[in-house]
Protein backbone atom coordinates (compact mmCIF):
# COMPACT_ATOMS: atom_id res chain seq x y z
CA UNK A 1 63.62 19.49 123.51
CA UNK A 2 61.62 20.50 120.45
CA UNK A 3 58.07 19.37 119.73
CA UNK A 4 59.17 17.70 116.50
CA UNK A 5 61.45 15.34 118.33
CA UNK A 6 60.52 11.76 119.00
CA UNK A 7 60.23 12.36 122.73
CA UNK A 8 59.30 15.36 124.93
CA UNK A 9 60.65 16.18 128.34
CA UNK A 10 57.93 18.38 129.82
CA UNK A 11 59.47 18.74 133.27
CA UNK A 12 62.99 20.36 133.22
CA UNK A 13 63.67 19.01 136.78
CA UNK A 14 63.16 15.29 136.05
CA UNK A 15 64.12 12.66 133.48
CA UNK A 16 60.50 11.85 132.63
CA UNK A 17 59.95 11.63 128.87
CA UNK A 18 56.83 11.07 126.77
CA UNK A 19 56.41 10.47 123.09
CA UNK A 20 55.35 13.53 121.10
CA UNK A 21 52.13 12.14 119.57
CA UNK A 22 50.71 10.53 122.78
CA UNK A 23 51.63 13.68 124.70
CA UNK A 24 49.62 15.94 122.52
CA UNK A 25 46.69 13.51 122.55
CA UNK A 26 46.69 13.52 126.37
CA UNK A 27 46.76 17.33 126.34
CA UNK A 28 43.81 17.45 123.96
CA UNK A 29 41.85 15.07 126.23
CA UNK A 30 42.56 17.28 129.23
CA UNK A 31 41.62 20.36 127.21
CA UNK A 32 38.29 18.70 126.32
CA UNK A 33 37.70 18.07 130.06
CA UNK A 34 38.55 21.66 130.89
CA UNK A 35 36.25 22.94 128.10
CA UNK A 36 33.37 20.82 129.41
CA UNK A 37 33.81 21.92 132.98
CA UNK A 38 34.33 25.62 132.06
CA UNK A 39 31.13 25.55 129.91
CA UNK A 40 28.98 23.75 132.48
CA UNK A 41 29.86 26.04 135.43
CA UNK A 42 28.35 29.25 134.05
CA UNK A 43 25.45 27.49 132.35
CA UNK A 44 24.44 25.73 135.55
CA UNK A 45 24.92 28.89 137.55
CA UNK A 46 22.90 31.26 135.38
CA UNK A 47 20.14 28.75 134.66
CA UNK A 48 19.90 27.79 138.35
CA UNK A 49 19.90 24.12 137.48
CA UNK A 50 23.01 23.24 139.41
CA UNK A 51 23.44 22.49 143.07
CA UNK A 52 21.88 25.10 145.42
CA UNK A 53 25.30 26.01 146.80
CA UNK A 54 26.85 26.54 143.40
CA UNK A 55 28.36 30.07 143.68
CA UNK A 56 25.97 30.80 146.56
CA UNK A 57 28.56 32.20 149.01
CA UNK A 58 30.17 34.63 146.58
CA UNK A 59 28.11 34.83 143.40
CA UNK A 60 29.96 37.77 141.94
CA UNK A 61 33.31 36.08 142.37
CA UNK A 62 31.91 32.83 140.99
CA UNK A 63 30.44 34.44 137.89
CA UNK A 64 33.70 36.32 137.19
CA UNK A 65 35.83 33.21 137.60
CA UNK A 66 33.50 31.08 135.52
CA UNK A 67 33.59 33.66 132.73
CA UNK A 68 37.37 33.86 132.81
CA UNK A 69 37.70 30.06 132.90
CA UNK A 70 35.32 29.56 129.97
CA UNK A 71 36.97 32.32 127.91
CA UNK A 72 40.48 31.04 128.54
CA UNK A 73 39.64 27.46 127.61
CA UNK A 74 37.78 28.40 124.48
CA UNK A 75 40.29 30.84 123.17
CA UNK A 76 43.22 28.52 123.84
CA UNK A 77 41.85 25.80 121.54
CA UNK A 78 43.46 27.22 118.35
CA UNK A 79 46.85 27.29 120.13
CA UNK A 80 46.38 23.60 120.93
CA UNK A 81 45.77 22.65 117.33
CA UNK A 82 48.59 24.86 116.04
CA UNK A 83 50.92 23.50 118.74
CA UNK A 84 52.14 27.04 119.38
CA UNK A 85 53.64 27.65 121.87
CA UNK A 86 55.25 24.26 122.58
CA UNK A 87 53.94 21.42 124.61
CA UNK A 88 55.67 22.28 127.91
CA UNK A 89 54.20 25.79 127.96
CA UNK A 90 50.69 24.73 126.99
CA UNK A 91 50.59 21.95 129.56
CA UNK A 92 51.92 24.28 132.27
CA UNK A 93 49.42 26.97 131.24
CA UNK A 94 46.40 24.76 131.40
CA UNK A 95 47.32 23.22 134.74
CA UNK A 96 48.19 26.70 136.06
CA UNK A 97 44.80 27.95 135.00
CA UNK A 98 43.09 25.29 137.06
CA UNK A 99 45.39 26.08 139.99
CA UNK A 100 44.37 29.77 139.89
CA UNK A 101 40.63 29.48 139.04
CA UNK A 102 39.45 26.38 140.93
CA UNK A 103 40.44 27.44 144.49
CA UNK A 104 38.32 30.60 143.95
CA UNK A 105 35.45 28.49 142.65
CA UNK A 106 35.68 26.28 145.77
CA UNK A 107 35.65 29.40 148.02
CA UNK A 108 32.67 30.88 146.08
CA UNK A 109 30.72 27.66 146.58
CA UNK A 110 31.25 27.56 150.35
CA UNK A 111 34.58 25.87 150.82
CA UNK A 112 35.58 22.21 150.81
CA UNK A 113 32.27 21.19 152.25
CA UNK A 114 30.74 21.96 148.86
CA UNK A 115 32.59 18.97 147.30
CA UNK A 116 34.18 20.99 144.53
CA UNK A 117 37.64 20.08 145.81
CA UNK A 118 37.46 17.07 143.58
CA UNK A 119 37.99 19.34 140.55
CA UNK A 120 41.57 19.99 141.68
CA UNK A 121 42.06 16.24 142.20
CA UNK A 122 41.41 15.68 138.46
CA UNK A 123 44.00 18.41 137.61
CA UNK A 124 46.53 16.84 139.97
CA UNK A 125 46.02 13.43 138.29
CA UNK A 126 46.37 15.04 134.90
CA UNK A 127 49.65 16.72 135.98
CA UNK A 128 51.22 13.30 136.69
CA UNK A 129 50.53 12.24 133.12
CA UNK A 130 51.14 15.54 131.33
CA UNK A 131 54.29 16.74 133.03
CA UNK A 132 55.27 13.98 135.41
CA UNK A 133 58.25 13.75 137.77
CA UNK A 134 59.03 16.39 140.32
CA UNK A 135 56.88 18.96 138.56
CA UNK A 136 53.69 16.86 139.17
CA UNK A 137 54.58 16.48 142.88
CA UNK A 138 55.15 20.21 142.98
CA UNK A 139 51.77 20.80 141.40
CA UNK A 140 50.17 18.51 144.07
CA UNK A 141 51.87 20.57 146.79
CA UNK A 142 50.55 23.84 145.30
CA UNK A 143 47.08 22.31 145.05
CA UNK A 144 47.22 21.20 148.68
CA UNK A 145 48.40 24.66 149.79
CA UNK A 146 45.58 26.20 147.73
CA UNK A 147 42.78 24.27 149.53
CA UNK A 148 44.45 24.98 152.90
CA UNK A 149 44.60 28.62 151.88
CA UNK A 150 40.90 28.63 150.99
CA UNK A 151 40.01 27.19 154.42
CA UNK A 152 42.43 29.58 156.21
CA UNK A 153 41.04 32.64 154.41
CA UNK A 154 37.52 31.62 155.09
CA UNK A 155 38.30 31.01 158.78
CA UNK A 156 39.99 34.40 159.03
CA UNK A 157 37.00 36.08 157.46
CA UNK A 158 34.61 34.01 159.51
CA UNK A 159 32.65 33.40 156.43
CA UNK A 160 31.83 29.74 156.84
CA UNK A 161 29.96 28.21 159.75
CA UNK A 162 32.73 25.68 160.35
CA UNK A 163 36.21 25.36 158.97
CA UNK A 164 37.31 22.05 157.42
CA UNK A 165 41.00 22.00 158.22
CA UNK A 166 40.95 18.17 158.63
CA UNK A 167 39.14 17.79 155.37
CA UNK A 168 41.65 20.14 153.69
CA UNK A 169 44.59 18.21 155.14
CA UNK A 170 43.10 14.82 153.97
CA UNK A 171 42.42 16.28 150.57
CA UNK A 172 46.01 17.57 150.35
CA UNK A 173 47.33 14.10 151.25
CA UNK A 174 45.00 12.65 148.58
CA UNK A 175 46.44 15.09 146.06
CA UNK A 176 49.95 13.84 146.81
CA UNK A 177 48.78 10.21 146.63
CA UNK A 178 47.01 10.85 143.31
CA UNK A 179 50.08 12.64 141.89
CA UNK A 180 52.40 9.89 143.10
CA UNK A 181 50.22 7.18 141.50
CA UNK A 182 49.96 9.17 138.29
CA UNK A 183 53.69 9.63 138.15
CA UNK A 184 54.28 5.91 138.79
CA UNK A 185 51.81 5.01 136.08
CA UNK A 186 53.45 7.46 133.69
CA UNK A 187 56.90 6.03 134.43
CA UNK A 188 55.59 2.51 133.93
CA UNK A 189 54.08 3.57 130.61
CA UNK A 190 57.37 5.18 129.62
CA UNK A 191 59.35 1.99 130.50
CA UNK A 192 56.80 -0.14 128.64
CA UNK A 193 57.10 2.14 125.61
CA UNK A 194 60.87 2.07 125.72
CA UNK A 195 60.88 -1.75 126.05
CA UNK A 196 58.41 -2.04 123.19
CA UNK A 197 60.64 0.18 121.02
CA UNK A 198 63.73 -1.88 121.87
CA UNK A 199 61.84 -5.06 121.04
CA UNK A 200 60.61 -3.45 117.83
CA UNK A 201 64.14 -2.51 116.89
CA UNK A 202 65.41 -6.00 117.80
CA UNK A 203 62.65 -7.50 115.71
CA UNK A 204 63.36 -5.23 112.78
CA UNK A 205 67.09 -6.08 112.97
CA UNK A 206 66.28 -9.77 113.22
CA UNK A 207 63.99 -9.53 110.17
CA UNK A 208 66.70 -7.72 108.18
CA UNK A 209 69.27 -10.33 109.35
CA UNK A 210 66.97 -13.17 108.28
CA UNK A 211 66.22 -11.52 105.00
CA UNK A 212 69.98 -11.00 104.38
CA UNK A 213 70.72 -14.64 105.21
CA UNK A 214 67.89 -15.94 103.06
CA UNK A 215 68.95 -13.76 100.12
CA UNK A 216 72.59 -14.88 100.31
CA UNK A 217 71.91 -18.62 100.60
CA UNK A 218 73.14 -20.71 97.71
CA UNK A 219 69.99 -22.77 97.82
CA UNK A 220 66.79 -21.32 96.44
CA UNK A 221 63.97 -20.80 98.90
CA UNK A 222 60.25 -20.36 98.27
CA UNK A 223 57.57 -19.97 100.94
CA UNK A 224 53.88 -20.36 100.02
CA UNK A 225 50.82 -19.91 102.26
CA UNK A 226 47.56 -21.84 102.28
CA UNK A 227 46.24 -19.92 99.30
CA UNK A 228 49.43 -20.78 97.34
CA UNK A 229 50.54 -17.14 97.40
CA UNK A 230 54.28 -16.61 97.39
CA UNK A 231 55.27 -15.09 100.74
CA UNK A 232 59.08 -15.26 100.42
CA UNK A 233 61.68 -15.90 97.77
CA UNK A 234 65.37 -15.27 97.31
CA UNK A 235 67.62 -14.41 94.42
CA UNK A 236 69.02 -17.99 94.16
CA UNK A 237 65.52 -19.35 93.60
CA UNK A 238 64.80 -16.80 90.86
CA UNK A 239 68.11 -17.60 89.16
CA UNK A 240 67.48 -21.38 89.33
CA UNK A 241 64.00 -20.92 87.97
CA UNK A 242 64.95 -18.38 85.32
CA UNK A 243 62.59 -15.73 86.64
CA UNK A 244 63.24 -12.00 86.60
CA UNK A 245 60.72 -11.05 89.24
CA UNK A 246 59.12 -13.12 92.02
CA UNK A 247 55.56 -14.13 91.02
CA UNK A 248 52.55 -13.42 93.20
CA UNK A 249 51.41 -17.01 93.55
CA UNK A 250 52.27 -20.58 92.54
CA UNK A 251 50.66 -20.12 89.13
CA UNK A 252 53.63 -17.94 88.09
CA UNK A 253 56.12 -20.72 88.85
CA UNK A 254 57.32 -23.16 86.13
CA UNK A 255 54.69 -25.71 85.28
CA UNK A 256 56.67 -28.76 86.48
CA UNK A 257 57.38 -27.23 89.87
CA UNK A 258 53.76 -26.08 90.37
CA UNK A 259 52.41 -29.49 89.32
CA UNK A 260 54.81 -31.33 91.59
CA UNK A 261 53.77 -29.26 94.60
CA UNK A 262 50.09 -29.77 93.79
CA UNK A 263 50.49 -33.55 93.61
CA UNK A 264 52.42 -33.63 96.90
CA UNK A 265 49.87 -31.44 98.69
CA UNK A 266 47.09 -33.69 97.35
CA UNK A 267 48.84 -36.75 98.78
CA UNK A 268 49.22 -35.16 102.20
CA UNK A 269 52.77 -36.44 102.77
CA UNK A 270 54.75 -34.49 105.41
CA UNK A 271 57.77 -34.01 103.03
CA UNK A 272 58.45 -34.21 99.39
CA UNK A 273 61.58 -34.67 97.25
CA UNK A 274 61.85 -34.67 93.44
CA UNK A 275 64.21 -33.90 90.61
CA UNK A 276 62.85 -31.59 87.99
CA UNK A 277 64.31 -31.09 84.48
CA UNK A 278 64.09 -27.45 83.45
CA UNK A 279 65.51 -25.29 80.74
CA UNK A 280 68.23 -24.16 83.16
CA UNK A 281 69.29 -27.63 84.18
CA UNK A 282 68.06 -30.31 86.61
CA UNK A 283 66.78 -29.08 89.96
CA UNK A 284 66.63 -30.95 93.22
CA UNK A 285 63.41 -30.10 94.97
CA UNK A 286 62.72 -30.51 98.74
CA UNK A 287 59.42 -29.35 100.25
CA UNK A 288 57.99 -29.50 103.76
CA UNK A 289 55.22 -27.98 105.78
CA UNK A 290 55.59 -25.53 108.66
CA UNK A 291 52.58 -25.23 110.96
CA UNK A 292 52.18 -21.79 112.55
CA UNK A 293 49.42 -20.28 114.60
CA UNK A 294 46.50 -19.72 112.24
CA UNK A 295 48.20 -20.93 109.06
CA UNK A 296 50.39 -23.53 107.50
CA UNK A 297 53.29 -22.52 105.23
CA UNK A 298 54.93 -24.61 102.51
CA UNK A 299 58.73 -24.35 102.45
CA UNK A 300 60.35 -25.26 99.15
CA UNK A 301 64.13 -25.64 98.81
CA UNK A 302 65.60 -25.66 95.34
CA UNK A 303 69.21 -26.68 94.49
CA UNK A 304 71.07 -27.36 91.31
CA UNK A 305 70.93 -31.19 91.09
CA UNK A 306 74.48 -31.29 89.76
CA UNK A 307 75.68 -29.51 92.91
CA UNK A 308 73.59 -31.77 95.04
CA UNK A 309 75.02 -34.87 93.46
CA UNK A 310 78.54 -33.48 93.83
CA UNK A 311 77.99 -33.06 97.53
CA UNK A 312 76.66 -36.58 97.82
CA UNK A 313 79.65 -37.75 95.86
CA UNK A 314 82.02 -35.85 98.10
CA UNK A 315 80.38 -37.39 101.19
CA UNK A 316 80.85 -40.82 99.66
CA UNK A 317 84.41 -40.08 98.79
CA UNK A 318 85.06 -38.94 102.34
CA UNK A 319 83.67 -42.16 103.70
CA UNK A 320 85.68 -44.11 101.06
CA UNK A 321 88.81 -42.22 102.10
CA UNK A 322 88.38 -43.35 105.70
CA UNK A 323 87.84 -46.88 104.51
CA UNK A 324 90.88 -46.90 102.29
CA UNK A 325 93.02 -45.46 105.06
CA UNK A 326 91.97 -48.31 107.30
CA UNK A 327 92.69 -50.86 104.57
CA UNK A 328 96.12 -49.21 103.94
CA UNK A 329 97.05 -49.63 107.57
CA UNK A 330 96.10 -53.31 107.44
CA UNK A 331 98.06 -53.86 104.23
CA UNK A 332 101.22 -52.11 105.46
CA UNK A 333 102.02 -54.74 108.11
CA UNK A 334 102.02 -57.85 105.81
CA UNK A 335 103.65 -55.76 103.07
CA UNK A 336 106.48 -54.92 105.46
CA UNK A 337 106.88 -58.53 106.26
CA UNK A 338 107.07 -59.41 102.53
CA UNK A 339 109.63 -56.75 101.88
CA UNK A 340 111.77 -57.86 104.86
CA UNK A 341 111.54 -61.52 103.76
CA UNK A 342 112.60 -60.56 100.19
CA UNK A 343 115.56 -58.60 101.63
CA UNK A 344 116.68 -61.62 103.64
CA UNK A 345 116.17 -63.88 100.68
CA UNK A 346 118.29 -61.59 98.49
CA UNK A 347 121.21 -61.99 100.92
CA UNK A 348 121.17 -65.76 100.64
CA UNK A 349 124.33 -67.10 98.85
CA UNK A 350 122.42 -70.08 97.37
CA UNK A 351 120.32 -68.08 94.86
CA UNK A 352 121.10 -68.20 91.21
CA UNK A 353 120.78 -65.04 89.04
CA UNK A 354 117.28 -65.90 87.90
CA UNK A 355 116.04 -66.17 91.47
CA UNK A 356 117.76 -62.93 92.37
CA UNK A 357 115.91 -61.31 89.45
CA UNK A 358 112.59 -62.52 90.87
CA UNK A 359 113.55 -61.13 94.33
CA UNK A 360 114.32 -57.81 92.77
CA UNK A 361 110.93 -57.73 91.09
CA UNK A 362 109.32 -58.47 94.49
CA UNK A 363 111.22 -55.65 96.22
CA UNK A 364 110.43 -53.21 93.38
CA UNK A 365 106.67 -53.78 93.58
CA UNK A 366 106.76 -53.79 97.43
CA UNK A 367 108.22 -50.27 97.24
CA UNK A 368 105.55 -49.25 94.70
CA UNK A 369 102.73 -50.55 96.91
CA UNK A 370 104.27 -48.86 99.90
CA UNK A 371 104.45 -45.57 98.06
CA UNK A 372 100.73 -45.94 97.14
CA UNK A 373 99.91 -46.54 100.79
CA UNK A 374 101.88 -43.40 101.75
CA UNK A 375 99.85 -41.34 99.28
CA UNK A 376 96.53 -42.77 100.47
CA UNK A 377 97.41 -42.12 104.07
CA UNK A 378 98.58 -38.59 103.24
CA UNK A 379 95.32 -37.93 101.39
CA UNK A 380 93.18 -39.21 104.28
CA UNK A 381 95.13 -37.18 106.80
CA UNK A 382 95.14 -33.91 104.98
CA UNK A 383 94.67 -30.97 107.38
CA UNK A 384 93.01 -27.60 106.86
CA UNK A 385 95.12 -25.01 105.11
CA UNK A 386 96.87 -22.46 107.40
CA UNK A 387 96.96 -19.63 104.87
CA UNK A 388 99.16 -16.66 105.36
CA UNK A 389 100.66 -13.78 103.41
CA UNK A 390 103.50 -15.14 101.30
CA UNK A 391 106.00 -13.09 99.33
CA UNK A 392 106.28 -15.42 96.29
CA UNK A 393 109.50 -14.19 94.69
CA UNK A 394 111.65 -14.74 97.78
CA UNK A 395 109.80 -17.94 98.68
CA UNK A 396 110.26 -19.49 95.18
CA UNK A 397 114.03 -18.80 95.34
CA UNK A 398 114.22 -20.70 98.65
CA UNK A 399 112.11 -23.50 97.18
CA UNK A 400 114.37 -23.95 94.21
CA UNK A 401 117.44 -24.17 96.46
CA UNK A 402 115.77 -26.75 98.73
CA UNK A 403 114.38 -28.76 95.87
CA UNK A 404 117.71 -28.93 94.00
CA UNK A 405 119.48 -30.11 97.20
CA UNK A 406 116.87 -32.76 97.85
CA UNK A 407 116.83 -34.08 94.23
CA UNK A 408 120.47 -33.38 93.51
CA UNK A 409 119.38 -31.94 90.21
CA UNK A 410 120.41 -28.42 89.07
CA UNK A 411 117.98 -28.25 86.12
CA UNK A 412 115.36 -25.91 87.68
CA UNK A 413 115.07 -22.53 85.94
CA UNK A 414 113.29 -19.67 87.78
CA UNK A 415 111.64 -16.68 86.06
CA UNK A 416 110.49 -13.91 88.43
CA UNK A 417 108.94 -10.50 87.79
CA UNK A 418 110.67 -7.29 88.85
CA UNK A 419 107.93 -6.42 91.41
CA UNK A 420 107.22 -8.64 94.38
CA UNK A 421 103.88 -10.58 94.24
CA UNK A 422 102.06 -11.72 97.33
CA UNK A 423 99.45 -14.41 97.80
CA UNK A 424 97.32 -15.98 100.55
CA UNK A 425 98.49 -19.60 100.79
CA UNK A 426 99.76 -22.32 103.12
CA UNK A 427 103.54 -22.40 102.45
CA UNK A 428 103.82 -26.12 103.44
CA UNK A 429 101.04 -27.20 101.13
CA UNK A 430 102.26 -24.97 98.29
CA UNK A 431 105.72 -26.62 98.63
CA UNK A 432 104.10 -30.05 98.42
CA UNK A 433 102.20 -29.11 95.27
CA UNK A 434 105.27 -27.63 93.61
CA UNK A 435 107.44 -30.52 94.61
CA UNK A 436 105.05 -32.99 93.00
CA UNK A 437 104.77 -30.92 89.81
CA UNK A 438 108.50 -30.36 89.56
CA UNK A 439 109.27 -34.03 90.24
CA UNK A 440 106.92 -35.10 87.47
CA UNK A 441 108.49 -32.53 85.11
CA UNK A 442 111.98 -33.85 85.88
CA UNK A 443 110.78 -37.44 85.43
CA UNK A 444 108.67 -37.15 82.35
CA UNK A 445 109.60 -33.79 80.84
CA UNK A 446 113.08 -34.33 79.49
CA UNK A 447 115.05 -33.63 82.70
CA UNK A 448 114.56 -29.87 82.77
CA UNK A 449 111.87 -27.73 84.41
CA UNK A 450 111.04 -24.01 84.36
CA UNK A 451 109.14 -22.19 87.15
CA UNK A 452 107.60 -18.90 86.16
CA UNK A 453 105.77 -16.38 88.37
CA UNK A 454 103.24 -14.05 86.71
CA UNK A 455 100.21 -11.91 87.54
CA UNK A 456 97.08 -13.40 85.90
CA UNK A 457 94.58 -10.51 86.34
CA UNK A 458 94.04 -10.31 90.08
CA UNK A 459 95.52 -13.75 90.76
CA UNK A 460 99.18 -14.60 91.24
CA UNK A 461 100.07 -17.46 88.95
CA UNK A 462 102.92 -20.01 89.29
CA UNK A 463 103.63 -22.01 86.13
CA UNK A 464 105.65 -25.22 86.01
CA UNK A 465 106.79 -25.89 82.43
CA UNK A 466 108.79 -28.78 80.98
CA UNK A 467 110.01 -29.66 77.46
CA UNK A 468 108.64 -33.26 77.35
CA UNK A 469 106.19 -34.88 75.00
CA UNK A 470 103.22 -33.67 77.01
CA UNK A 471 100.05 -35.59 77.84
CA UNK A 472 97.94 -37.14 75.14
CA UNK A 473 94.73 -35.39 74.29
CA UNK A 474 92.57 -38.41 75.13
CA UNK A 475 93.96 -38.43 78.66
CA UNK A 476 93.49 -34.74 79.44
CA UNK A 477 90.13 -35.23 81.13
CA UNK A 478 91.48 -37.93 83.47
CA UNK A 479 94.86 -36.58 84.67
CA UNK A 480 93.47 -35.32 87.97
CA UNK A 481 91.51 -38.45 88.75
CA UNK A 482 92.81 -40.68 91.54
CA UNK A 483 94.89 -43.71 90.46
CA UNK A 484 95.01 -42.62 86.85
CA UNK A 485 98.55 -42.93 85.37
CA UNK A 486 100.13 -43.52 82.00
CA UNK A 487 103.32 -44.74 83.59
CA UNK A 488 104.00 -48.28 84.68
CA UNK A 489 105.81 -47.16 87.80
CA UNK A 490 103.44 -44.37 88.99
CA UNK A 491 100.67 -44.55 91.57
CA UNK A 492 98.30 -42.08 89.92
CA UNK A 493 97.74 -40.10 93.08
CA UNK A 494 100.28 -37.28 92.75
CA UNK A 495 98.24 -34.90 90.57
CA UNK A 496 95.07 -35.76 92.45
CA UNK A 497 96.61 -34.84 95.79
CA UNK A 498 98.08 -31.69 94.26
CA UNK A 499 94.70 -30.55 93.04
CA UNK A 500 93.05 -31.35 96.40
CA UNK A 501 95.70 -29.28 98.23
CA UNK A 502 95.18 -26.42 95.80
CA UNK A 503 91.46 -26.42 96.50
CA UNK A 504 92.17 -26.37 100.21
CA UNK A 505 93.97 -23.06 99.64
CA UNK A 506 91.20 -21.66 97.45
CA UNK A 507 93.55 -21.99 94.42
CA UNK A 508 93.05 -23.55 91.00
CA UNK A 509 95.40 -26.11 89.48
CA UNK A 510 95.12 -26.15 85.62
CA UNK A 511 96.92 -28.01 82.81
CA UNK A 512 97.86 -26.56 79.46
CA UNK A 513 99.14 -28.91 76.79
CA UNK A 514 101.27 -26.61 74.64
CA UNK A 515 102.98 -27.27 71.28
CA UNK A 516 105.93 -28.79 73.17
CA UNK A 517 105.95 -30.07 76.76
CA UNK A 518 103.45 -29.49 79.53
CA UNK A 519 102.44 -26.48 81.59
CA UNK A 520 100.78 -26.67 84.97
CA UNK A 521 99.38 -23.35 86.33
CA UNK A 522 98.54 -22.61 89.96
CA UNK A 523 96.21 -19.65 90.26
CA UNK A 524 96.44 -18.41 93.90
CA UNK A 525 94.23 -16.20 95.97
CA UNK A 526 95.32 -12.53 96.00
CA UNK A 527 96.19 -11.08 99.40
CA UNK A 528 93.33 -8.58 99.40
CA UNK A 529 90.63 -11.13 98.59
CA UNK A 530 88.85 -13.39 101.13
CA UNK A 531 87.05 -16.41 99.78
CA UNK A 532 84.93 -18.62 102.08
CA UNK A 533 85.85 -22.24 102.22
CA UNK A 534 83.45 -24.54 100.28
């Protein structure tokens, strides 16, 4: 592994890894310790200020080893700063230097009884951190063999008054224990570093995810701290406020917004709501406080007030739909009884023509009310669109055949392009929309209807065209409203239901009042486009 990599693996026989920067820092600390020890040994020896037994047994050997140790440590400093050769070789070289020099120093000072065996203990501990794994345990084994060799050689030469084999054995065991603890600590540090890195990556990913979510929210978000500095904003907020760049603090926000926040903060209320009129339209403002450790943030949510009111209206309409569905169920039972009674009354032989005319009027309006109830129940029970890929040319041919058989009317003309056009739509709901439009065209459009399939930009477009008088200009803004009708026999729910079904399929239902007749256009979702449901 190269030194420029994020991690180093100093021991080729173990999986121990250490980060590059901390590894070189540890090596510099160990080099500083070696430099201090290598400088003190000759100074204390030649000035005679050290212990009396310092180099006393073999002064020539001690002076030579001390000189070599000092020269090696001093001349290796430039290599450490240049990081040449690599970390593995420099760490092994410095530890090997101690393993060669220090046993000789111990011997020259009179063996393990001199107390200099502790110098190798420091090197053994450093090996657990610098190289780790099996290499550190191997270094401890070599250090133990070295001190045993010193005692064995001294015993063979008869140089010391008493050999310290027990002391050498205990010191060798201590070396293994120190190496084992250093390796365990190094592994724990490695695991902690890896865990911290994983947590850092998770935190960074979470921050990016939060930033992505915040930036893609439809509502504008502003976050201010205690000093009214802007800590967070998203593109929706900038668009709603008409700002090109996020300001540094609240003073860069529009005056009405800044004043509203100041007044709320002065009151000390936990939450705040207001509607602000700006150059870009009315804004619905919601603000609240978020207490964190050491600070309190102000969260401001901005939304186009027209969108907010539309959502409130949709919620009210949903509740109203459930209410009307319940009322329709309650009306249907007595209405059925009225219709059945009228049918029985019509069969009576004692009714004169005028009474039969009244019964016919009753039955006609019973059917009309029943049709209205069916439309209301259908609207309240509408299910989510099950959109799928639909080949429109083939499907429209089948639709015309089915529609003409159901209505017993052969006045449907079909215009299809040469190439097949596909759309993403629920076939059942599309059939319901077209059936409603074609039925209206046959009823109010002169008895003939034309269905034309075109490509409107990226969107497939189905047009339903008739040759009738069309819809009056003053009624164009109301044709898709519920219960609006210009006919005395209609319920006013057909076009409203058709538009609702189109919206369920992410399609648009439009009306075009041409020079003659009417044209309804259904702009469908192309097959390669996915639009999220509102």
